[in-house]
Amino acid sequence: MTLLAILGTIIIGFFAGLIAKFLMPGRDPKGFLITIVLGIGGAFLFTWLGQGLGWYAPGQTAGFFGAVVGAIIILVIYRLIAGRR
């Protein structure tokens, strides 16, 4: 990934985290900031997953919808893990 692609993924992930928080309201153990970080992680997850499955070409990042899906997946996993503590 180029630096520009990484920055784009971070920006898309930021907004994906906001949308994921809106779609999955509730109390998160670390609040709003961790949701944004999880959104960025979701964008990177879906970019990696999409490239591995052939949905995206090498160097191509996940779109906004893919980033939101990735953010929701990571948010669900995070809530399952953090909820057990």
PDB file of N, CA and C in Angstrom:
ATOM      1  N   MET A   1       0.841  -1.183   0.000  1.00  0.00           N
ATOM      2  CA  MET A   1       0.000   0.000   0.000  1.00  0.00           C
ATOM      3  C   MET A   1       0.883   1.243   0.000  1.00  0.00           C
ATOM      4  N   THR A   2       0.470   2.194  -0.752  1.00  0.00           N
ATOM      5  CA  THR A   2       1.194   3.458  -0.772  1.00  0.00           C
ATOM      6  C   THR A   2       0.758   4.323   0.410  1.00  0.00           C
ATOM      7  N   LEU A   3       1.517   5.339   0.674  1.00  0.00           N
ATOM      8  CA  LEU A   3       1.190   6.241   1.776  1.00  0.00           C
ATOM      9  C   LEU A   3      -0.171   6.889   1.560  1.00  0.00           C
ATOM     10  N   LEU A   4      -0.462   7.272   0.327  1.00  0.00           N
ATOM     11  CA  LEU A   4      -1.744   7.892   0.017  1.00  0.00           C
ATOM     12  C   LEU A   4      -2.894   6.913   0.251  1.00  0.00           C
ATOM     13  N   ALA A   5      -2.708   5.652  -0.100  1.00  0.00           N
ATOM     14  CA  ALA A   5      -3.741   4.638   0.129  1.00  0.00           C
ATOM     15  C   ALA A   5      -3.951   4.414   1.619  1.00  0.00           C
ATOM     16  N   ILE A   6      -2.881   4.440   2.392  1.00  0.00           N
ATOM     17  CA  ILE A   6      -2.994   4.270   3.841  1.00  0.00           C
ATOM     18  C   ILE A   6      -3.751   5.444   4.463  1.00  0.00           C
ATOM     19  N   LEU A   7      -3.422   6.651   4.043  1.00  0.00           N
ATOM     20  CA  LEU A   7      -4.136   7.830   4.555  1.00  0.00           C
ATOM     21  C   LEU A   7      -5.607   7.800   4.164  1.00  0.00           C
ATOM     22  N   GLY A   8      -5.888   7.385   2.953  1.00  0.00           N
ATOM     23  CA  GLY A   8      -7.276   7.259   2.504  1.00  0.00           C
ATOM     24  C   GLY A   8      -8.042   6.229   3.312  1.00  0.00           C
ATOM     25  N   THR A   9      -7.384   5.121   3.622  1.00  0.00           N
ATOM     26  CA  THR A   9      -8.021   4.083   4.425  1.00  0.00           C
ATOM     27  C   THR A   9      -8.300   4.588   5.836  1.00  0.00           C
ATOM     28  N   ILE A  10      -7.387   5.367   6.398  1.00  0.00           N
ATOM     29  CA  ILE A  10      -7.593   5.929   7.734  1.00  0.00           C
ATOM     30  C   ILE A  10      -8.776   6.894   7.736  1.00  0.00           C
ATOM     31  N   ILE A  11      -8.862   7.738   6.734  1.00  0.00           N
ATOM     32  CA  ILE A  11      -9.958   8.706   6.655  1.00  0.00           C
ATOM     33  C   ILE A  11     -11.286   7.981   6.467  1.00  0.00           C
ATOM     34  N   ILE A  12     -11.323   7.024   5.557  1.00  0.00           N
ATOM     35  CA  ILE A  12     -12.555   6.244   5.345  1.00  0.00           C
ATOM     36  C   ILE A  12     -12.911   5.497   6.623  1.00  0.00           C
ATOM     37  N   GLY A  13     -11.909   4.918   7.297  1.00  0.00           N
ATOM     38  CA  GLY A  13     -12.146   4.199   8.541  1.00  0.00           C
ATOM     39  C   GLY A  13     -12.701   5.078   9.645  1.00  0.00           C
ATOM     40  N   PHE A  14     -12.250   6.322   9.693  1.00  0.00           N
ATOM     41  CA  PHE A  14     -12.779   7.271  10.677  1.00  0.00           C
ATOM     42  C   PHE A  14     -14.278   7.428  10.503  1.00  0.00           C
ATOM     43  N   PHE A  15     -14.702   7.695   9.283  1.00  0.00           N
ATOM     44  CA  PHE A  15     -16.123   7.870   9.016  1.00  0.00           C
ATOM     45  C   PHE A  15     -16.888   6.554   9.135  1.00  0.00           C
ATOM     46  N   ALA A  16     -16.247   5.451   8.796  1.00  0.00           N
ATOM     47  CA  ALA A  16     -16.881   4.145   8.958  1.00  0.00           C
ATOM     48  C   ALA A  16     -17.123   3.852  10.439  1.00  0.00           C
ATOM     49  N   GLY A  17     -16.190   4.243  11.299  1.00  0.00           N
ATOM     50  CA  GLY A  17     -16.379   4.082  12.738  1.00  0.00           C
ATOM     51  C   GLY A  17     -17.559   4.891  13.253  1.00  0.00           C
ATOM     52  N   LEU A  18     -17.725   6.100  12.729  1.00  0.00           N
ATOM     53  CA  LEU A  18     -18.874   6.920  13.111  1.00  0.00           C
ATOM     54  C   LEU A  18     -20.181   6.249  12.709  1.00  0.00           C
ATOM     55  N   ILE A  19     -20.231   5.746  11.481  1.00  0.00           N
ATOM     56  CA  ILE A  19     -21.432   5.072  10.987  1.00  0.00           C
ATOM     57  C   ILE A  19     -21.681   3.788  11.776  1.00  0.00           C
ATOM     58  N   ALA A  20     -20.631   3.019  12.062  1.00  0.00           N
ATOM     59  CA  ALA A  20     -20.781   1.783  12.833  1.00  0.00           C
ATOM     60  C   ALA A  20     -21.348   2.086  14.221  1.00  0.00           C
ATOM     61  N   LYS A  21     -20.881   3.151  14.842  1.00  0.00           N
ATOM     62  CA  LYS A  21     -21.391   3.543  16.163  1.00  0.00           C
ATOM     63  C   LYS A  21     -22.863   3.926  16.063  1.00  0.00           C
ATOM     64  N   PHE A  22     -23.235   4.593  14.980  1.00  0.00           N
ATOM     65  CA  PHE A  22     -24.628   4.981  14.764  1.00  0.00           C
ATOM     66  C   PHE A  22     -25.513   3.748  14.546  1.00  0.00           C
ATOM     67  N   LEU A  23     -25.010   2.765  13.781  1.00  0.00           N
ATOM     68  CA  LEU A  23     -25.780   1.557  13.484  1.00  0.00           C
ATOM     69  C   LEU A  23     -25.832   0.590  14.659  1.00  0.00           C
ATOM     70  N   MET A  24     -24.838   0.648  15.528  1.00  0.00           N
ATOM     71  CA  MET A  24     -24.776  -0.241  16.691  1.00  0.00           C
ATOM     72  C   MET A  24     -24.665   0.585  17.968  1.00  0.00           C
ATOM     73  N   PRO A  25     -25.743   1.265  18.347  1.00  0.00           N
ATOM     74  CA  PRO A  25     -25.651   2.091  19.549  1.00  0.00           C
ATOM     75  C   PRO A  25     -25.498   1.225  20.790  1.00  0.00           C
ATOM     76  N   GLY A  26     -25.074   1.839  21.825  1.00  0.00           N
ATOM     77  CA  GLY A  26     -24.895   1.126  23.087  1.00  0.00           C
ATOM     78  C   GLY A  26     -23.627   1.584  23.756  1.00  0.00           C
ATOM     79  N   ARG A  27     -23.433   1.062  24.930  1.00  0.00           N
ATOM     80  CA  ARG A  27     -22.254   1.443  25.702  1.00  0.00           C
ATOM     81  C   ARG A  27     -21.080   0.583  25.280  1.00  0.00           C
ATOM     82  N   ASP A  28     -20.029   1.239  24.888  1.00  0.00           N
ATOM     83  CA  ASP A  28     -18.777   0.555  24.591  1.00  0.00           C
ATOM     84  C   ASP A  28     -17.832   0.815  25.755  1.00  0.00           C
ATOM     85  N   PRO A  29     -17.040  -0.185  26.125  1.00  0.00           N
ATOM     86  CA  PRO A  29     -16.174  -0.037  27.292  1.00  0.00           C
ATOM     87  C   PRO A  29     -15.257   1.184  27.264  1.00  0.00           C
ATOM     88  N   LYS A  30     -14.777   1.605  26.126  1.00  0.00           N
ATOM     89  CA  LYS A  30     -13.881   2.765  26.075  1.00  0.00           C
ATOM     90  C   LYS A  30     -14.511   3.959  25.378  1.00  0.00           C
ATOM     91  N   GLY A  31     -15.753   3.856  24.951  1.00  0.00           N
ATOM     92  CA  GLY A  31     -16.468   4.992  24.412  1.00  0.00           C
ATOM     93  C   GLY A  31     -16.212   5.280  22.938  1.00  0.00           C
ATOM     94  N   PHE A  32     -16.425   6.528  22.603  1.00  0.00           N
ATOM     95  CA  PHE A  32     -16.429   6.995  21.224  1.00  0.00           C
ATOM     96  C   PHE A  32     -15.077   6.847  20.540  1.00  0.00           C
ATOM     97  N   LEU A  33     -14.012   7.158  21.225  1.00  0.00           N
ATOM     98  CA  LEU A  33     -12.679   7.130  20.628  1.00  0.00           C
ATOM     99  C   LEU A  33     -12.288   5.728  20.178  1.00  0.00           C
ATOM    100  N   ILE A  34     -12.584   4.731  20.988  1.00  0.00           N
ATOM    101  CA  ILE A  34     -12.234   3.363  20.606  1.00  0.00           C
ATOM    102  C   ILE A  34     -13.064   2.922  19.402  1.00  0.00           C
ATOM    103  N   THR A  35     -14.279   3.421  19.283  1.00  0.00           N
ATOM    104  CA  THR A  35     -15.105   3.087  18.123  1.00  0.00           C
ATOM    105  C   THR A  35     -14.478   3.619  16.846  1.00  0.00           C
ATOM    106  N   ILE A  36     -13.902   4.797  16.905  1.00  0.00           N
ATOM    107  CA  ILE A  36     -13.222   5.367  15.741  1.00  0.00           C
ATOM    108  C   ILE A  36     -12.001   4.522  15.381  1.00  0.00           C
ATOM    109  N   VAL A  37     -11.233   4.136  16.389  1.00  0.00           N
ATOM    110  CA  VAL A  37     -10.054   3.297  16.141  1.00  0.00           C
ATOM    111  C   VAL A  37     -10.471   1.953  15.548  1.00  0.00           C
ATOM    112  N   LEU A  38     -11.554   1.389  16.057  1.00  0.00           N
ATOM    113  CA  LEU A  38     -12.060   0.126  15.509  1.00  0.00           C
ATOM    114  C   LEU A  38     -12.553   0.315  14.077  1.00  0.00           C
ATOM    115  N   GLY A  39     -13.098   1.478  13.768  1.00  0.00           N
ATOM    116  CA  GLY A  39     -13.508   1.766  12.389  1.00  0.00           C
ATOM    117  C   GLY A  39     -12.320   1.803  11.443  1.00  0.00           C
ATOM    118  N   ILE A  40     -11.242   2.394  11.887  1.00  0.00           N
ATOM    119  CA  ILE A  40     -10.023   2.425  11.073  1.00  0.00           C
ATOM    120  C   ILE A  40      -9.496   1.001  10.903  1.00  0.00           C
ATOM    121  N   GLY A  41      -9.523   0.227  11.979  1.00  0.00           N
ATOM    122  CA  GLY A  41      -9.115  -1.177  11.892  1.00  0.00           C
ATOM    123  C   GLY A  41     -10.013  -1.963  10.952  1.00  0.00           C
ATOM    124  N   GLY A  42     -11.297  -1.667  10.972  1.00  0.00           N
ATOM    125  CA  GLY A  42     -12.241  -2.330  10.070  1.00  0.00           C
ATOM    126  C   GLY A  42     -11.971  -2.019   8.612  1.00  0.00           C
ATOM    127  N   ALA A  43     -11.578  -0.794   8.331  1.00  0.00           N
ATOM    128  CA  ALA A  43     -11.245  -0.421   6.950  1.00  0.00           C
ATOM    129  C   ALA A  43     -10.018  -1.195   6.479  1.00  0.00           C
ATOM    130  N   PHE A  44      -9.016  -1.298   7.356  1.00  0.00           N
ATOM    131  CA  PHE A  44      -7.829  -2.078   6.995  1.00  0.00           C
ATOM    132  C   PHE A  44      -8.166  -3.564   6.878  1.00  0.00           C
ATOM    133  N   LEU A  45      -9.013  -4.076   7.770  1.00  0.00           N
ATOM    134  CA  LEU A  45      -9.420  -5.484   7.708  1.00  0.00           C
ATOM    135  C   LEU A  45     -10.111  -5.798   6.399  1.00  0.00           C
ATOM    136  N   PHE A  46     -11.062  -4.974   6.019  1.00  0.00           N
ATOM    137  CA  PHE A  46     -11.813  -5.253   4.807  1.00  0.00           C
ATOM    138  C   PHE A  46     -10.977  -5.028   3.558  1.00  0.00           C
ATOM    139  N   THR A  47     -10.031  -4.111   3.604  1.00  0.00           N
ATOM    140  CA  THR A  47      -9.103  -3.947   2.480  1.00  0.00           C
ATOM    141  C   THR A  47      -8.276  -5.215   2.308  1.00  0.00           C
ATOM    142  N   TRP A  48      -7.737  -5.722   3.408  1.00  0.00           N
ATOM    143  CA  TRP A  48      -6.929  -6.944   3.368  1.00  0.00           C
ATOM    144  C   TRP A  48      -7.772  -8.139   2.926  1.00  0.00           C
ATOM    145  N   LEU A  49      -8.966  -8.261   3.490  1.00  0.00           N
ATOM    146  CA  LEU A  49      -9.849  -9.368   3.148  1.00  0.00           C
ATOM    147  C   LEU A  49     -10.287  -9.292   1.689  1.00  0.00           C
ATOM    148  N   GLY A  50     -10.644  -8.112   1.239  1.00  0.00           N
ATOM    149  CA  GLY A  50     -11.068  -7.927  -0.140  1.00  0.00           C
ATOM    150  C   GLY A  50      -9.965  -8.212  -1.148  1.00  0.00           C
ATOM    151  N   GLN A  51      -8.731  -7.836  -0.820  1.00  0.00           N
ATOM    152  CA  GLN A  51      -7.605  -8.135  -1.705  1.00  0.00           C
ATOM    153  C   GLN A  51      -7.327  -9.634  -1.716  1.00  0.00           C
ATOM    154  N   GLY A  52      -7.471 -10.276  -0.563  1.00  0.00           N
ATOM    155  CA  GLY A  52      -7.239 -11.720  -0.482  1.00  0.00           C
ATOM    156  C   GLY A  52      -8.277 -12.520  -1.248  1.00  0.00           C
ATOM    157  N   LEU A  53      -9.512 -12.032  -1.270  1.00  0.00           N
ATOM    158  CA  LEU A  53     -10.589 -12.729  -1.979  1.00  0.00           C
ATOM    159  C   LEU A  53     -10.703 -12.309  -3.438  1.00  0.00           C
ATOM    160  N   GLY A  54      -9.897 -11.348  -3.850  1.00  0.00           N
ATOM    161  CA  GLY A  54      -9.906 -10.906  -5.235  1.00  0.00           C
ATOM    162  C   GLY A  54     -10.945  -9.848  -5.551  1.00  0.00           C
ATOM    163  N   TRP A  55     -11.579  -9.286  -4.534  1.00  0.00           N
ATOM    164  CA  TRP A  55     -12.563  -8.226  -4.760  1.00  0.00           C
ATOM    165  C   TRP A  55     -11.892  -6.917  -5.132  1.00  0.00           C
ATOM    166  N   TYR A  56     -10.703  -6.695  -4.584  1.00  0.00           N
ATOM    167  CA  TYR A  56      -9.948  -5.483  -4.863  1.00  0.00           C
ATOM    168  C   TYR A  56      -8.601  -5.867  -5.453  1.00  0.00           C
ATOM    169  N   ALA A  57      -8.112  -5.017  -6.325  1.00  0.00           N
ATOM    170  CA  ALA A  57      -6.790  -5.233  -6.915  1.00  0.00           C
ATOM    171  C   ALA A  57      -5.727  -4.856  -5.884  1.00  0.00           C
ATOM    172  N   PRO A  58      -4.514  -5.385  -6.021  1.00  0.00           N
ATOM    173  CA  PRO A  58      -3.434  -4.971  -5.104  1.00  0.00           C
ATOM    174  C   PRO A  58      -3.257  -3.450  -5.147  1.00  0.00           C
ATOM    175  N   GLY A  59      -3.201  -2.851  -3.984  1.00  0.00           N
ATOM    176  CA  GLY A  59      -3.068  -1.401  -3.891  1.00  0.00           C
ATOM    177  C   GLY A  59      -4.399  -0.670  -3.825  1.00  0.00           C
ATOM    178  N   GLN A  60      -5.487  -1.359  -4.123  1.00  0.00           N
ATOM    179  CA  GLN A  60      -6.812  -0.749  -4.067  1.00  0.00           C
ATOM    180  C   GLN A  60      -7.372  -0.932  -2.662  1.00  0.00           C
ATOM    181  N   THR A  61      -8.005   0.090  -2.125  1.00  0.00           N
ATOM    182  CA  THR A  61      -8.539   0.010  -0.770  1.00  0.00           C
ATOM    183  C   THR A  61     -10.027  -0.298  -0.800  1.00  0.00           C
ATOM    184  N   ALA A  62     -10.532  -0.706   0.350  1.00  0.00           N
ATOM    185  CA  ALA A  62     -11.963  -0.971   0.486  1.00  0.00           C
ATOM    186  C   ALA A  62     -12.732   0.329   0.328  1.00  0.00           C
ATOM    187  N   GLY A  63     -13.898   0.221  -0.222  1.00  0.00           N
ATOM    188  CA  GLY A  63     -14.763   1.385  -0.332  1.00  0.00           C
ATOM    189  C   GLY A  63     -15.403   1.698   1.002  1.00  0.00           C
ATOM    190  N   PHE A  64     -16.230   2.701   1.006  1.00  0.00           N
ATOM    191  CA  PHE A  64     -16.856   3.129   2.250  1.00  0.00           C
ATOM    192  C   PHE A  64     -17.750   2.043   2.830  1.00  0.00           C
ATOM    193  N   PHE A  65     -18.533   1.387   1.986  1.00  0.00           N
ATOM    194  CA  PHE A  65     -19.427   0.327   2.453  1.00  0.00           C
ATOM    195  C   PHE A  65     -18.630  -0.816   3.065  1.00  0.00           C
ATOM    196  N   GLY A  66     -17.569  -1.216   2.400  1.00  0.00           N
ATOM    197  CA  GLY A  66     -16.712  -2.278   2.925  1.00  0.00           C
ATOM    198  C   GLY A  66     -16.085  -1.903   4.255  1.00  0.00           C
ATOM    199  N   ALA A  67     -15.683  -0.657   4.383  1.00  0.00           N
ATOM    200  CA  ALA A  67     -15.085  -0.189   5.636  1.00  0.00           C
ATOM    201  C   ALA A  67     -16.103  -0.211   6.764  1.00  0.00           C
ATOM    202  N   VAL A  68     -17.347   0.154   6.473  1.00  0.00           N
ATOM    203  CA  VAL A  68     -18.395   0.107   7.493  1.00  0.00           C
ATOM    204  C   VAL A  68     -18.652  -1.331   7.930  1.00  0.00           C
ATOM    205  N   VAL A  69     -18.707  -2.254   6.968  1.00  0.00           N
ATOM    206  CA  VAL A  69     -18.901  -3.668   7.297  1.00  0.00           C
ATOM    207  C   VAL A  69     -17.744  -4.172   8.162  1.00  0.00           C
ATOM    208  N   GLY A  70     -16.527  -3.841   7.778  1.00  0.00           N
ATOM    209  CA  GLY A  70     -15.356  -4.230   8.566  1.00  0.00           C
ATOM    210  C   GLY A  70     -15.396  -3.640   9.971  1.00  0.00           C
ATOM    211  N   ALA A  71     -15.816  -2.384  10.081  1.00  0.00           N
ATOM    212  CA  ALA A  71     -15.903  -1.735  11.394  1.00  0.00           C
ATOM    213  C   ALA A  71     -16.956  -2.406  12.270  1.00  0.00           C
ATOM    214  N   ILE A  72     -18.081  -2.783  11.685  1.00  0.00           N
ATOM    215  CA  ILE A  72     -19.127  -3.457  12.456  1.00  0.00           C
ATOM    216  C   ILE A  72     -18.640  -4.823  12.920  1.00  0.00           C
ATOM    217  N   ILE A  73     -17.947  -5.547  12.049  1.00  0.00           N
ATOM    218  CA  ILE A  73     -17.412  -6.856  12.429  1.00  0.00           C
ATOM    219  C   ILE A  73     -16.454  -6.720  13.609  1.00  0.00           C
ATOM    220  N   ILE A  74     -15.541  -5.776  13.518  1.00  0.00           N
ATOM    221  CA  ILE A  74     -14.573  -5.587  14.608  1.00  0.00           C
ATOM    222  C   ILE A  74     -15.267  -5.087  15.874  1.00  0.00           C
ATOM    223  N   LEU A  75     -16.273  -4.230  15.738  1.00  0.00           N
ATOM    224  CA  LEU A  75     -16.996  -3.733  16.904  1.00  0.00           C
ATOM    225  C   LEU A  75     -17.745  -4.859  17.609  1.00  0.00           C
ATOM    226  N   VAL A  76     -18.349  -5.767  16.858  1.00  0.00           N
ATOM    227  CA  VAL A  76     -19.035  -6.914  17.460  1.00  0.00           C
ATOM    228  C   VAL A  76     -18.040  -7.801  18.206  1.00  0.00           C
ATOM    229  N   ILE A  77     -16.910  -8.094  17.576  1.00  0.00           N
ATOM    230  CA  ILE A  77     -15.891  -8.919  18.225  1.00  0.00           C
ATOM    231  C   ILE A  77     -15.374  -8.222  19.480  1.00  0.00           C
ATOM    232  N   TYR A  78     -15.139  -6.929  19.393  1.00  0.00           N
ATOM    233  CA  TYR A  78     -14.650  -6.169  20.547  1.00  0.00           C
ATOM    234  C   TYR A  78     -15.644  -6.211  21.702  1.00  0.00           C
ATOM    235  N   ARG A  79     -16.924  -6.041  21.386  1.00  0.00           N
ATOM    236  CA  ARG A  79     -17.934  -6.070  22.444  1.00  0.00           C
ATOM    237  C   ARG A  79     -18.029  -7.452  23.083  1.00  0.00           C
ATOM    238  N   LEU A  80     -17.868  -8.501  22.289  1.00  0.00           N
ATOM    239  CA  LEU A  80     -17.903  -9.853  22.849  1.00  0.00           C
ATOM    240  C   LEU A  80     -16.728 -10.080  23.791  1.00  0.00           C
ATOM    241  N   ILE A  81     -15.560  -9.633  23.388  1.00  0.00           N
ATOM    242  CA  ILE A  81     -14.357  -9.833  24.214  1.00  0.00           C
ATOM    243  C   ILE A  81     -14.392  -8.924  25.438  1.00  0.00           C
ATOM    244  N   ALA A  82     -14.699  -7.654  25.248  1.00  0.00           N
ATOM    245  CA  ALA A  82     -14.692  -6.700  26.351  1.00  0.00           C
ATOM    246  C   ALA A  82     -15.851  -6.944  27.321  1.00  0.00           C
ATOM    247  N   GLY A  83     -16.940  -7.497  26.831  1.00  0.00           N
ATOM    248  CA  GLY A  83     -18.092  -7.749  27.686  1.00  0.00           C
ATOM    249  C   GLY A  83     -17.859  -8.889  28.666  1.00  0.00           C
ATOM    250  N   ARG A  84     -16.916  -9.760  28.379  1.00  0.00           N
ATOM    251  CA  ARG A  84     -16.640 -10.887  29.262  1.00  0.00           C
ATOM    252  C   ARG A  84     -15.772 -10.512  30.449  1.00  0.00           C
ATOM    253  N   ARG A  85     -15.141  -9.373  30.390  1.00  0.00           N
ATOM    254  CA  ARG A  85     -14.231  -8.970  31.468  1.00  0.00           C
ATOM    255  C   ARG A  85     -14.967  -8.371  32.623  1.00  0.00           C
TER     256      ARG A  85
END
